[in-house]
């Protein structure tokens, strides 16, 4: 019986990971919420900002990969766009974008930028 449960979990591991991450996020209650641009720019160190934003980008890239039936073209576009060699300059431009839209969630702002660069 245990073997069958484990086999199912590994068969659907991307979906299981999303469900588990969502459940863990929602289990935090009212304090669990996506951060706004203001919260990131005013309350985080530059290292924490980069870690949070790269997590959002990696999540959006993974979601694109799943949505496109595991074709990595869109995912690779997103990752290349975010992790290019001129990363510091691009990161500073994103932080300026955040300051222009302080009440928007970081994920929404990053999605808008990604959609502009890599389509849907």
Protein backbone atom coordinates (compact mmCIF):
# COMPACT_ATOMS: atom_id res chain seq x y z
CA UNK A 1 0.00 0.00 0.00
CA UNK A 2 2.75 2.44 0.90
CA UNK A 3 4.57 1.65 -2.34
CA UNK A 4 1.55 2.64 -4.41
CA UNK A 5 1.20 5.98 -2.61
CA UNK A 6 4.84 6.81 -3.17
CA UNK A 7 4.58 5.84 -6.83
CA UNK A 8 1.63 8.18 -7.34
CA UNK A 9 3.41 11.07 -5.66
CA UNK A 10 6.50 10.67 -7.83
CA UNK A 11 4.40 10.24 -10.98
CA UNK A 12 2.77 13.62 -10.42
CA UNK A 13 5.68 15.36 -8.70
CA UNK A 14 5.37 18.80 -10.38
CA UNK A 15 1.66 18.98 -9.58
CA UNK A 16 2.25 17.58 -6.10
CA UNK A 17 4.95 20.16 -5.47
CA UNK A 18 2.62 22.99 -6.47
CA UNK A 19 -0.18 21.65 -4.28
CA UNK A 20 2.12 21.16 -1.30
CA UNK A 21 3.67 24.60 -1.69
CA UNK A 22 0.23 26.20 -1.95
CA UNK A 23 -1.01 24.34 1.11
CA UNK A 24 2.04 25.39 3.11
CA UNK A 25 1.57 28.98 1.97
CA UNK A 26 -2.11 29.04 2.88
CA UNK A 27 -1.52 27.28 6.20
CA UNK A 28 0.21 30.42 7.45
CA UNK A 29 -3.16 32.12 7.77
CA UNK A 30 -3.72 35.84 7.42
CA UNK A 31 -0.01 36.67 7.58
CA UNK A 32 0.72 34.64 4.45
CA UNK A 33 0.41 36.95 1.46
CA UNK A 34 2.38 37.87 -1.60
CA UNK A 35 4.56 40.87 -0.95
CA UNK A 36 3.98 44.25 -2.53
CA UNK A 37 6.71 46.17 -4.28
CA UNK A 38 6.79 48.64 -1.37
CA UNK A 39 7.35 45.85 1.17
CA UNK A 40 10.23 44.47 -0.87
CA UNK A 41 11.93 47.80 -1.57
CA UNK A 42 11.51 49.23 1.94
CA UNK A 43 11.84 46.20 4.21
CA UNK A 44 14.40 43.91 2.59
CA UNK A 45 18.14 44.02 2.10
CA UNK A 46 19.36 43.87 -1.48
CA UNK A 47 20.28 40.20 -1.02
CA UNK A 48 16.80 39.39 0.31
CA UNK A 49 15.22 41.38 -2.53
CA UNK A 50 17.15 39.40 -5.10
CA UNK A 51 16.31 36.09 -3.42
CA UNK A 52 12.59 36.89 -3.26
CA UNK A 53 12.36 38.21 -6.80
CA UNK A 54 14.37 35.34 -8.26
CA UNK A 55 12.03 32.93 -6.46
CA UNK A 56 9.06 34.63 -8.11
CA UNK A 57 10.77 34.47 -11.50
CA UNK A 58 11.73 30.81 -11.09
CA UNK A 59 8.12 30.03 -10.12
CA UNK A 60 6.77 31.86 -13.17
CA UNK A 61 9.28 30.05 -15.39
CA UNK A 62 8.26 26.68 -13.96
CA UNK A 63 4.57 27.54 -14.42
CA UNK A 64 5.28 28.42 -18.06
CA UNK A 65 7.04 25.08 -18.53
CA UNK A 66 4.02 23.23 -17.13
CA UNK A 67 1.52 25.30 -19.10
CA UNK A 68 3.37 24.59 -22.33
CA UNK A 69 3.39 20.82 -21.84
CA UNK A 70 7.00 20.77 -20.68
CA UNK A 71 8.34 22.62 -23.72
CA UNK A 72 11.18 24.64 -22.21
CA UNK A 73 11.27 27.43 -24.82
CA UNK A 74 9.20 29.91 -22.80
CA UNK A 75 10.82 28.88 -19.52
CA UNK A 76 14.28 29.38 -20.99
CA UNK A 77 13.31 32.82 -22.32
CA UNK A 78 12.22 33.85 -18.81
CA UNK A 79 15.35 32.52 -17.13
CA UNK A 80 17.67 34.06 -19.75
CA UNK A 81 15.88 37.39 -19.42
CA UNK A 82 16.30 37.44 -15.65
CA UNK A 83 19.77 35.93 -15.27
CA UNK A 84 21.65 37.66 -18.11
CA UNK A 85 25.19 38.95 -17.64
CA UNK A 86 24.01 42.57 -17.23
CA UNK A 87 22.08 41.39 -14.20
CA UNK A 88 22.91 44.30 -11.84
CA UNK A 89 21.73 46.93 -14.32
CA UNK A 90 18.56 44.97 -15.09
CA UNK A 91 17.92 44.40 -11.37
CA UNK A 92 18.20 48.13 -10.68
CA UNK A 93 15.76 48.85 -13.52
CA UNK A 94 13.28 46.39 -11.96
CA UNK A 95 13.63 48.07 -8.58
CA UNK A 96 12.83 51.42 -10.25
CA UNK A 97 9.74 49.75 -11.79
CA UNK A 98 8.73 48.56 -8.32
CA UNK A 99 9.04 52.07 -6.91
CA UNK A 100 6.66 53.31 -9.62
CA UNK A 101 4.06 50.70 -8.57
CA UNK A 102 4.49 50.35 -4.79
CA UNK A 103 1.09 48.82 -4.03
CA UNK A 104 1.26 46.07 -6.67
CA UNK A 105 2.39 42.56 -5.81
CA UNK A 106 5.88 41.67 -6.97
CA UNK A 107 4.55 38.60 -8.79
CA UNK A 108 2.12 40.76 -10.79
CA UNK A 109 4.83 43.24 -11.76
CA UNK A 110 7.27 40.49 -12.74
CA UNK A 111 4.58 38.74 -14.77
CA UNK A 112 3.92 41.98 -16.70
CA UNK A 113 7.63 42.40 -17.46
CA UNK A 114 8.03 38.75 -18.43
CA UNK A 115 4.98 38.83 -20.68
CA UNK A 116 6.40 41.87 -22.45
CA UNK A 117 9.74 40.12 -23.00
CA UNK A 118 8.71 36.47 -23.55
CA UNK A 119 5.01 36.50 -24.42
CA UNK A 120 2.48 34.27 -22.73
